[in-house]
C-alpha atoms as a PDB file:
ATOM      1  CA  MET A   1      -0.079  -0.007  -0.346  1.00  0.00           C
ATOM      2  CA  LYS A   2       2.868   2.441   0.975  1.00  0.00           C
ATOM      3  CA  ASP A   3       4.349   1.469  -2.648  1.00  0.00           C
ATOM      4  CA  GLN A   4       0.785   2.843  -4.628  1.00  0.00           C
ATOM      5  CA  ALA A   5       0.987   6.006  -2.520  1.00  0.00           C
ATOM      6  CA  ALA A   6       3.861   6.978  -3.624  1.00  0.00           C
ATOM      7  CA  TRP A   7       3.268   6.807  -7.294  1.00  0.00           C
ATOM      8  CA  PHE A   8      -0.480   8.043  -6.826  1.00  0.00           C
ATOM      9  CA  ILE A   9      -0.851  11.876  -8.409  1.00  0.00           C
ATOM     10  CA  ALA A  10      -3.490  14.188  -6.482  1.00  0.00           C
ATOM     11  CA  PRO A  11      -6.247  15.595  -8.871  1.00  0.00           C
ATOM     12  CA  GLU A  12      -4.667  19.038  -8.458  1.00  0.00           C
ATOM     13  CA  GLN A  13      -1.016  17.512  -9.600  1.00  0.00           C
ATOM     14  CA  GLN A  14      -2.692  16.215 -12.602  1.00  0.00           C
ATOM     15  CA  GLU A  15      -4.990  19.469 -13.233  1.00  0.00           C
ATOM     16  CA  GLN A  16      -1.437  20.949 -12.615  1.00  0.00           C
ATOM     17  CA  GLN A  17       0.715  18.882 -14.920  1.00  0.00           C
ATOM     18  CA  ALA A  18      -2.080  19.245 -17.940  1.00  0.00           C
ATOM     19  CA  LEU A  19      -2.301  23.099 -17.772  1.00  0.00           C
ATOM     20  CA  GLU A  20       1.418  23.522 -17.477  1.00  0.00           C
ATOM     21  CA  ALA A  21       1.398  20.851 -20.986  1.00  0.00           C
ATOM     22  CA  TRP A  22      -1.470  22.550 -22.576  1.00  0.00           C
ATOM     23  CA  ARG A  23       0.433  26.000 -21.763  1.00  0.00           C
ATOM     24  CA  GLY A  24       3.241  24.707 -23.680  1.00  0.00           C
ATOM     25  CA  ASN A  25       2.050  23.213 -26.783  1.00  0.00           C
ATOM     26  CA  ALA A  26      -1.111  25.331 -27.627  1.00  0.00           C
ATOM     27  CA  THR A  27      -0.543  27.366 -30.500  1.00  0.00           C
ATOM     28  CA  VAL A  28      -2.983  29.460 -32.557  1.00  0.00           C
ATOM     29  CA  THR A  29      -3.256  31.321 -35.920  1.00  0.00           C
ATOM     30  CA  ARG A  30      -2.682  34.322 -36.550  1.00  0.00           C
ATOM     31  CA  ILE A  31      -5.747  35.257 -37.522  1.00  0.00           C
ATOM     32  CA  GLN A  32      -7.175  33.845 -34.171  1.00  0.00           C
ATOM     33  CA  PHE A  33      -4.517  35.638 -32.029  1.00  0.00           C
ATOM     34  CA  LYS A  34      -5.808  39.008 -33.393  1.00  0.00           C
ATOM     35  CA  THR A  35      -9.348  38.364 -33.216  1.00  0.00           C
ATOM     36  CA  ALA A  36      -9.104  37.019 -29.302  1.00  0.00           C
ATOM     37  CA  LEU A  37      -7.075  40.481 -28.552  1.00  0.00           C
ATOM     38  CA  ASP A  38      -9.165  42.623 -30.221  1.00  0.00           C
ATOM     39  CA  ASP A  39     -12.386  40.590 -28.293  1.00  0.00           C
ATOM     40  CA  PHE A  40     -10.821  41.027 -24.996  1.00  0.00           C
ATOM     41  CA  GLY A  41     -10.019  44.813 -25.825  1.00  0.00           C
ATOM     42  CA  TYR A  42      -6.466  44.270 -26.031  1.00  0.00           C
ATOM     43  CA  LEU A  43      -5.623  44.682 -30.342  1.00  0.00           C
ATOM     44  CA  GLU A  44      -5.654  49.025 -30.259  1.00  0.00           C
ATOM     45  CA  GLN A  45      -2.489  48.712 -27.097  1.00  0.00           C
ATOM     46  CA  ILE A  46      -0.476  45.863 -28.879  1.00  0.00           C
ATOM     47  CA  GLU A  47      -0.664  47.590 -32.217  1.00  0.00           C
ATOM     48  CA  ALA A  48       0.773  50.798 -30.241  1.00  0.00           C
ATOM     49  CA  LEU A  49       3.226  49.244 -28.854  1.00  0.00           C
ATOM     50  CA  MET A  50       4.489  47.152 -31.861  1.00  0.00           C
ATOM     51  CA  ALA A  51       4.420  50.756 -33.522  1.00  0.00           C
ATOM     52  CA  ASP A  52       7.013  51.972 -30.685  1.00  0.00           C
ATOM     53  CA  PRO A  53      10.899  52.128 -31.382  1.00  0.00           C
ATOM     54  CA  GLU A  54      11.310  51.146 -27.585  1.00  0.00           C
ATOM     55  CA  THR A  55       9.616  47.643 -27.707  1.00  0.00           C
ATOM     56  CA  GLN A  56      12.361  45.230 -28.526  1.00  0.00           C
ATOM     57  CA  LYS A  57      13.307  44.454 -32.417  1.00  0.00           C
ATOM     58  CA  GLN A  58      12.687  40.789 -32.223  1.00  0.00           C
ATOM     59  CA  THR A  59       8.997  41.228 -30.705  1.00  0.00           C
ATOM     60  CA  ARG A  60       7.877  43.652 -33.152  1.00  0.00           C
ATOM     61  CA  LEU A  61       9.667  41.502 -36.024  1.00  0.00           C
ATOM     62  CA  ASP A  62       7.960  38.380 -34.387  1.00  0.00           C
ATOM     63  CA  TRP A  63       4.711  40.535 -34.156  1.00  0.00           C
ATOM     64  CA  LYS A  64       5.141  41.367 -37.513  1.00  0.00           C
ATOM     65  CA  ASP A  65       5.639  38.227 -39.452  1.00  0.00           C
ATOM     66  CA  ALA A  66       4.746  35.420 -37.129  1.00  0.00           C
ATOM     67  CA  ASP A  67       2.066  32.761 -38.688  1.00  0.00           C
ATOM     68  CA  ASP A  68       1.343  31.727 -35.828  1.00  0.00           C
ATOM     69  CA  PHE A  69       1.539  32.365 -31.646  1.00  0.00           C
ATOM     70  CA  ARG A  70       2.634  29.721 -29.473  1.00  0.00           C
ATOM     71  CA  ARG A  71       1.440  30.329 -25.541  1.00  0.00           C
ATOM     72  CA  SER A  72       5.088  29.804 -24.385  1.00  0.00           C
ATOM     73  CA  SER A  73       7.098  31.625 -26.794  1.00  0.00           C
ATOM     74  CA  PRO A  74       9.148  35.526 -25.951  1.00  0.00           C
ATOM     75  CA  ILE A  75       6.846  38.085 -27.643  1.00  0.00           C
ATOM     76  CA  ILE A  76       3.326  36.023 -25.732  1.00  0.00           C
ATOM     77  CA  ALA A  77       5.432  37.005 -21.834  1.00  0.00           C
ATOM     78  CA  GLN A  78       6.283  40.424 -23.472  1.00  0.00           C
ATOM     79  CA  ILE A  79       2.778  40.840 -24.550  1.00  0.00           C
ATOM     80  CA  SER A  80       0.757  40.230 -21.652  1.00  0.00           C
ATOM     81  CA  GLU A  81       3.898  41.957 -19.269  1.00  0.00           C
ATOM     82  CA  SER A  82       3.502  44.910 -21.370  1.00  0.00           C
ATOM     83  CA  LEU A  83      -0.597  44.570 -20.725  1.00  0.00           C
ATOM     84  CA  GLY A  84      -0.235  43.491 -17.043  1.00  0.00           C
ATOM     85  CA  LEU A  85      -1.963  40.467 -17.348  1.00  0.00           C
ATOM     86  CA  SER A  86      -1.552  37.233 -15.146  1.00  0.00           C
ATOM     87  CA  GLU A  87      -0.785  33.934 -16.175  1.00  0.00           C
ATOM     88  CA  GLU A  88      -4.791  32.941 -16.000  1.00  0.00           C
ATOM     89  CA  GLU A  89      -5.956  36.346 -17.900  1.00  0.00           C
ATOM     90  CA  VAL A  90      -3.220  34.996 -20.883  1.00  0.00           C
ATOM     91  CA  ASP A  91      -4.515  31.274 -20.536  1.00  0.00           C
ATOM     92  CA  ARG A  92      -7.905  32.842 -20.879  1.00  0.00           C
ATOM     93  CA  LEU A  93      -7.070  34.810 -23.886  1.00  0.00           C
ATOM     94  CA  PHE A  94      -5.287  31.787 -25.615  1.00  0.00           C
ATOM     95  CA  LYS A  95      -8.321  29.940 -24.763  1.00  0.00           C
ATOM     96  CA  HIS A  96     -10.483  31.791 -26.416  1.00  0.00           C
ATOM     97  CA  ALA A  97      -8.414  32.308 -29.602  1.00  0.00           C
ATOM     98  CA  GLU A  98      -9.121  28.482 -30.319  1.00  0.00           C
ATOM     99  CA  THR A  99     -12.268  28.811 -30.335  1.00  0.00           C
ATOM    100  CA  VAL A 100     -12.092  31.133 -32.838  1.00  0.00           C
ATOM    101  CA  LYS A 101     -12.857  30.115 -36.909  1.00  0.00           C
ATOM    102  CA  GLY A 102     -10.630  31.822 -38.843  1.00  0.00           C
END
């Protein structure tokens, strides 16, 4: 019985592992992401950020040329930091983006 307990993963741990796996793999198309940003009221702020010459060049290039956006990518970290979004808010944004038909 003791050995079985060592292999038991609590439901909360399973949920966290599933969330981390999803965060590592979630990818949406450019139109899905931009539509979700617009639906949440963030698109204009992001476009202003990308027009700002103080924004890192790589971030601006990624925004301009990316065909898709990965939840775990540096540009998403930059965008979420700029908007002051929590991890959970970024998750909601991406989950919404996954539902956008585009």
